[in-house]
Amino acid sequence: MGGEFSLLISFDDRPKDFVHGVEFGMIWERLKQGEEEVTNGGFPVRLQNQELIYRACEHFGYQAHFKQCWVSGWVDFIAIKKQEDYGIFE
């Protein structure tokens, strides 16, 4: 594909909640699969999803990191899987 994007399916009605849910659903699946690092495919996430993503990260044992993005209404996001504490250094 050479880094180009194309539209596969066009939705006639695009309510905001649907769009937010699709973004969150993709991140949820990656967290659930246990990947070491989870992002939104290199894209920022919607500010409206930040709290929901944070709670999902906590649920699956990730440390969520958000940083202000240059685009208004969006934040950069990465989640890092928390390491197990085996009590070795106590």
N, C-alpha and C. Protein backbone atom coordinates (compact mmCIF):
# COMPACT_ATOMS: atom_id res chain seq x y z
N MET A 1 0.81 -1.20 0.00
CA MET A 1 0.00 0.00 0.00
C MET A 1 0.85 1.25 0.00
N GLY A 2 2.12 1.12 0.30
CA GLY A 2 3.01 2.27 0.20
C GLY A 2 2.72 3.40 1.16
N GLY A 3 2.13 3.11 2.33
CA GLY A 3 1.88 4.15 3.31
C GLY A 3 0.68 5.03 2.99
N GLU A 4 -0.09 4.69 1.97
CA GLU A 4 -1.27 5.47 1.61
C GLU A 4 -2.48 4.91 2.32
N PHE A 5 -3.45 5.77 2.58
CA PHE A 5 -4.68 5.36 3.21
C PHE A 5 -5.81 5.47 2.20
N SER A 6 -6.76 4.56 2.31
CA SER A 6 -7.94 4.64 1.46
C SER A 6 -9.15 4.24 2.28
N LEU A 7 -10.29 4.74 1.87
CA LEU A 7 -11.55 4.47 2.55
C LEU A 7 -12.11 3.15 2.05
N LEU A 8 -12.35 2.21 2.98
CA LEU A 8 -12.91 0.92 2.59
C LEU A 8 -14.42 0.93 2.67
N ILE A 9 -14.96 1.51 3.75
CA ILE A 9 -16.40 1.56 3.96
C ILE A 9 -16.77 2.96 4.43
N SER A 10 -17.81 3.52 3.87
CA SER A 10 -18.28 4.83 4.28
C SER A 10 -19.59 4.66 5.05
N PHE A 11 -19.65 5.24 6.24
CA PHE A 11 -20.87 5.22 7.02
C PHE A 11 -21.67 6.48 6.73
N ASP A 12 -22.96 6.31 6.45
CA ASP A 12 -23.81 7.46 6.16
C ASP A 12 -23.98 8.36 7.38
N ASP A 13 -24.09 7.74 8.55
CA ASP A 13 -24.30 8.48 9.79
C ASP A 13 -23.11 8.20 10.70
N ARG A 14 -22.38 9.23 11.08
CA ARG A 14 -21.19 9.04 11.91
C ARG A 14 -21.33 9.78 13.23
N PRO A 15 -22.11 9.24 14.16
CA PRO A 15 -22.22 9.91 15.45
C PRO A 15 -20.88 9.85 16.19
N LYS A 16 -20.62 10.88 16.98
CA LYS A 16 -19.35 10.96 17.70
C LYS A 16 -19.13 9.75 18.61
N ASP A 17 -20.17 9.29 19.27
CA ASP A 17 -20.02 8.15 20.17
C ASP A 17 -19.54 6.91 19.43
N PHE A 18 -19.99 6.72 18.21
CA PHE A 18 -19.54 5.58 17.42
C PHE A 18 -18.05 5.67 17.14
N VAL A 19 -17.61 6.83 16.73
CA VAL A 19 -16.19 7.03 16.41
C VAL A 19 -15.34 6.83 17.66
N HIS A 20 -15.76 7.37 18.78
CA HIS A 20 -15.01 7.20 20.04
C HIS A 20 -14.96 5.74 20.42
N GLY A 21 -16.06 5.03 20.23
CA GLY A 21 -16.11 3.62 20.58
C GLY A 21 -15.21 2.75 19.72
N VAL A 22 -15.12 3.06 18.44
CA VAL A 22 -14.24 2.30 17.56
C VAL A 22 -12.79 2.49 18.00
N GLU A 23 -12.39 3.72 18.27
CA GLU A 23 -11.02 3.99 18.72
C GLU A 23 -10.72 3.24 20.01
N PHE A 24 -11.62 3.32 20.98
CA PHE A 24 -11.43 2.65 22.26
C PHE A 24 -11.41 1.14 22.09
N GLY A 25 -12.29 0.61 21.26
CA GLY A 25 -12.37 -0.83 21.06
C GLY A 25 -11.08 -1.42 20.52
N MET A 26 -10.43 -0.71 19.61
CA MET A 26 -9.16 -1.21 19.06
C MET A 26 -8.08 -1.23 20.14
N ILE A 27 -8.04 -0.20 20.97
CA ILE A 27 -7.06 -0.14 22.05
C ILE A 27 -7.36 -1.21 23.09
N TRP A 28 -8.63 -1.40 23.43
CA TRP A 28 -9.05 -2.43 24.39
C TRP A 28 -8.55 -3.80 23.95
N GLU A 29 -8.71 -4.14 22.69
CA GLU A 29 -8.27 -5.45 22.19
C GLU A 29 -6.77 -5.63 22.32
N ARG A 30 -6.00 -4.60 22.04
CA ARG A 30 -4.54 -4.70 22.16
C ARG A 30 -4.12 -4.85 23.62
N LEU A 31 -4.81 -4.15 24.53
CA LEU A 31 -4.53 -4.30 25.96
C LEU A 31 -4.87 -5.72 26.40
N LYS A 32 -6.00 -6.21 25.97
CA LYS A 32 -6.47 -7.55 26.34
C LYS A 32 -5.52 -8.64 25.83
N GLN A 33 -4.90 -8.41 24.68
CA GLN A 33 -3.96 -9.38 24.12
C GLN A 33 -2.63 -9.40 24.87
N GLY A 34 -2.36 -8.38 25.68
CA GLY A 34 -1.17 -8.37 26.52
C GLY A 34 0.09 -7.87 25.84
N GLU A 35 -0.04 -7.08 24.78
CA GLU A 35 1.14 -6.54 24.11
C GLU A 35 1.95 -5.71 25.11
N GLU A 36 3.27 -5.71 24.96
CA GLU A 36 4.14 -4.97 25.89
C GLU A 36 3.89 -3.46 25.82
N GLU A 37 3.74 -2.94 24.62
CA GLU A 37 3.44 -1.52 24.40
C GLU A 37 2.19 -1.42 23.54
N VAL A 38 1.29 -0.52 23.92
CA VAL A 38 0.07 -0.31 23.16
C VAL A 38 -0.04 1.15 22.80
N THR A 39 -0.27 1.41 21.52
CA THR A 39 -0.52 2.77 21.03
C THR A 39 -1.76 2.72 20.15
N ASN A 40 -2.09 3.84 19.58
CA ASN A 40 -3.19 3.92 18.63
C ASN A 40 -2.62 3.89 17.21
N GLY A 41 -1.70 2.99 16.99
CA GLY A 41 -1.11 2.85 15.65
C GLY A 41 -0.30 4.05 15.22
N GLY A 42 0.28 4.75 16.19
CA GLY A 42 1.08 5.93 15.86
C GLY A 42 0.27 7.22 15.76
N PHE A 43 -1.02 7.13 15.97
CA PHE A 43 -1.88 8.30 15.91
C PHE A 43 -2.29 8.72 17.32
N PRO A 44 -2.57 10.00 17.53
CA PRO A 44 -3.08 10.42 18.84
C PRO A 44 -4.49 9.88 19.07
N VAL A 45 -4.97 9.98 20.30
CA VAL A 45 -6.33 9.56 20.64
C VAL A 45 -7.16 10.78 20.99
N ARG A 46 -8.47 10.62 20.89
CA ARG A 46 -9.37 11.73 21.19
C ARG A 46 -9.33 12.03 22.69
N LEU A 47 -9.29 13.28 23.03
CA LEU A 47 -9.27 13.72 24.42
C LEU A 47 -10.47 13.14 25.18
N GLN A 48 -11.61 13.00 24.51
CA GLN A 48 -12.81 12.45 25.16
C GLN A 48 -12.62 11.00 25.59
N ASN A 49 -11.68 10.29 25.01
CA ASN A 49 -11.44 8.89 25.36
C ASN A 49 -10.34 8.71 26.41
N GLN A 50 -9.68 9.77 26.81
CA GLN A 50 -8.52 9.65 27.69
C GLN A 50 -8.84 8.95 28.99
N GLU A 51 -9.88 9.34 29.69
CA GLU A 51 -10.21 8.73 30.98
C GLU A 51 -10.60 7.26 30.82
N LEU A 52 -11.36 6.95 29.80
CA LEU A 52 -11.77 5.57 29.55
C LEU A 52 -10.56 4.69 29.23
N ILE A 53 -9.65 5.20 28.42
CA ILE A 53 -8.43 4.46 28.09
C ILE A 53 -7.58 4.27 29.34
N TYR A 54 -7.48 5.31 30.17
CA TYR A 54 -6.72 5.21 31.41
C TYR A 54 -7.26 4.08 32.29
N ARG A 55 -8.60 4.02 32.45
CA ARG A 55 -9.20 2.98 33.29
C ARG A 55 -8.98 1.59 32.70
N ALA A 56 -9.04 1.46 31.40
CA ALA A 56 -8.79 0.16 30.75
C ALA A 56 -7.34 -0.27 30.98
N CYS A 57 -6.42 0.68 30.90
CA CYS A 57 -5.01 0.38 31.15
C CYS A 57 -4.81 -0.14 32.57
N GLU A 58 -5.42 0.51 33.53
CA GLU A 58 -5.34 0.06 34.92
C GLU A 58 -5.91 -1.35 35.05
N HIS A 59 -7.01 -1.61 34.41
CA HIS A 59 -7.66 -2.93 34.48
C HIS A 59 -6.74 -4.03 33.98
N PHE A 60 -6.01 -3.79 32.90
CA PHE A 60 -5.17 -4.81 32.30
C PHE A 60 -3.71 -4.75 32.77
N GLY A 61 -3.39 -3.87 33.73
CA GLY A 61 -2.04 -3.83 34.28
C GLY A 61 -1.04 -3.04 33.45
N TYR A 62 -1.47 -1.93 32.89
CA TYR A 62 -0.60 -1.06 32.10
C TYR A 62 -0.45 0.30 32.77
N GLN A 63 0.66 0.94 32.51
CA GLN A 63 0.87 2.33 32.91
C GLN A 63 0.57 3.17 31.67
N ALA A 64 -0.45 4.00 31.77
CA ALA A 64 -0.84 4.85 30.63
C ALA A 64 -0.08 6.16 30.67
N HIS A 65 0.39 6.59 29.53
CA HIS A 65 1.09 7.86 29.40
C HIS A 65 0.39 8.70 28.33
N PHE A 66 -0.01 9.91 28.72
CA PHE A 66 -0.65 10.84 27.79
C PHE A 66 0.17 12.11 27.74
N LYS A 67 0.27 12.69 26.57
CA LYS A 67 1.01 13.93 26.38
C LYS A 67 0.22 14.83 25.45
N GLN A 68 0.20 16.11 25.77
CA GLN A 68 -0.53 17.06 24.93
C GLN A 68 -0.05 16.96 23.48
N CYS A 69 -0.99 16.96 22.59
CA CYS A 69 -0.71 16.84 21.17
C CYS A 69 -0.79 18.22 20.51
N TRP A 70 -0.17 18.35 19.38
CA TRP A 70 -0.19 19.63 18.67
C TRP A 70 -1.55 19.92 18.03
N VAL A 71 -2.43 18.90 17.99
CA VAL A 71 -3.77 19.07 17.42
C VAL A 71 -4.77 19.21 18.56
N SER A 72 -5.54 20.26 18.56
CA SER A 72 -6.52 20.52 19.60
C SER A 72 -7.54 19.37 19.68
N GLY A 73 -7.84 18.91 20.90
CA GLY A 73 -8.82 17.86 21.11
C GLY A 73 -8.25 16.46 21.05
N TRP A 74 -6.93 16.35 20.90
CA TRP A 74 -6.27 15.05 20.80
C TRP A 74 -5.10 15.00 21.76
N VAL A 75 -4.70 13.79 22.19
CA VAL A 75 -3.52 13.60 23.03
C VAL A 75 -2.72 12.42 22.49
N ASP A 76 -1.40 12.51 22.62
CA ASP A 76 -0.55 11.37 22.28
C ASP A 76 -0.68 10.36 23.40
N PHE A 77 -0.59 9.08 23.05
CA PHE A 77 -0.85 8.02 24.02
C PHE A 77 0.07 6.83 23.79
N ILE A 78 0.57 6.28 24.89
CA ILE A 78 1.26 4.99 24.89
C ILE A 78 1.00 4.34 26.23
N ALA A 79 0.81 3.03 26.21
CA ALA A 79 0.65 2.25 27.44
C ALA A 79 1.76 1.21 27.50
N ILE A 80 2.39 1.11 28.66
CA ILE A 80 3.48 0.17 28.88
C ILE A 80 3.02 -0.86 29.91
N LYS A 81 3.17 -2.13 29.59
CA LYS A 81 2.78 -3.20 30.51
C LYS A 81 3.63 -3.12 31.77
N LYS A 82 2.96 -3.11 32.94
CA LYS A 82 3.67 -3.07 34.22
C LYS A 82 4.39 -4.39 34.43
N GLN A 83 5.59 -4.31 34.96
CA GLN A 83 6.39 -5.51 35.24
C GLN A 83 5.90 -6.14 36.54
N GLU A 84 5.93 -7.45 36.58
CA GLU A 84 5.56 -8.16 37.80
C GLU A 84 6.59 -7.88 38.89
N ASP A 85 6.13 -7.68 40.10
CA ASP A 85 7.00 -7.47 41.24
C ASP A 85 7.15 -8.82 41.95
N TYR A 86 8.31 -9.43 41.82
CA TYR A 86 8.55 -10.72 42.41
C TYR A 86 9.17 -10.63 43.81
N GLY A 87 9.35 -9.43 44.33
CA GLY A 87 9.90 -9.26 45.66
C GLY A 87 11.37 -9.61 45.78
N ILE A 88 12.08 -9.62 44.67
CA ILE A 88 13.49 -10.00 44.67
C ILE A 88 14.35 -8.98 45.42
N PHE A 89 14.02 -7.72 45.32
CA PHE A 89 14.87 -6.65 45.87
C PHE A 89 14.36 -6.12 47.19
N GLU A 90 13.68 -6.94 47.96
CA GLU A 90 13.16 -6.47 49.24
C GLU A 90 14.22 -6.52 50.30
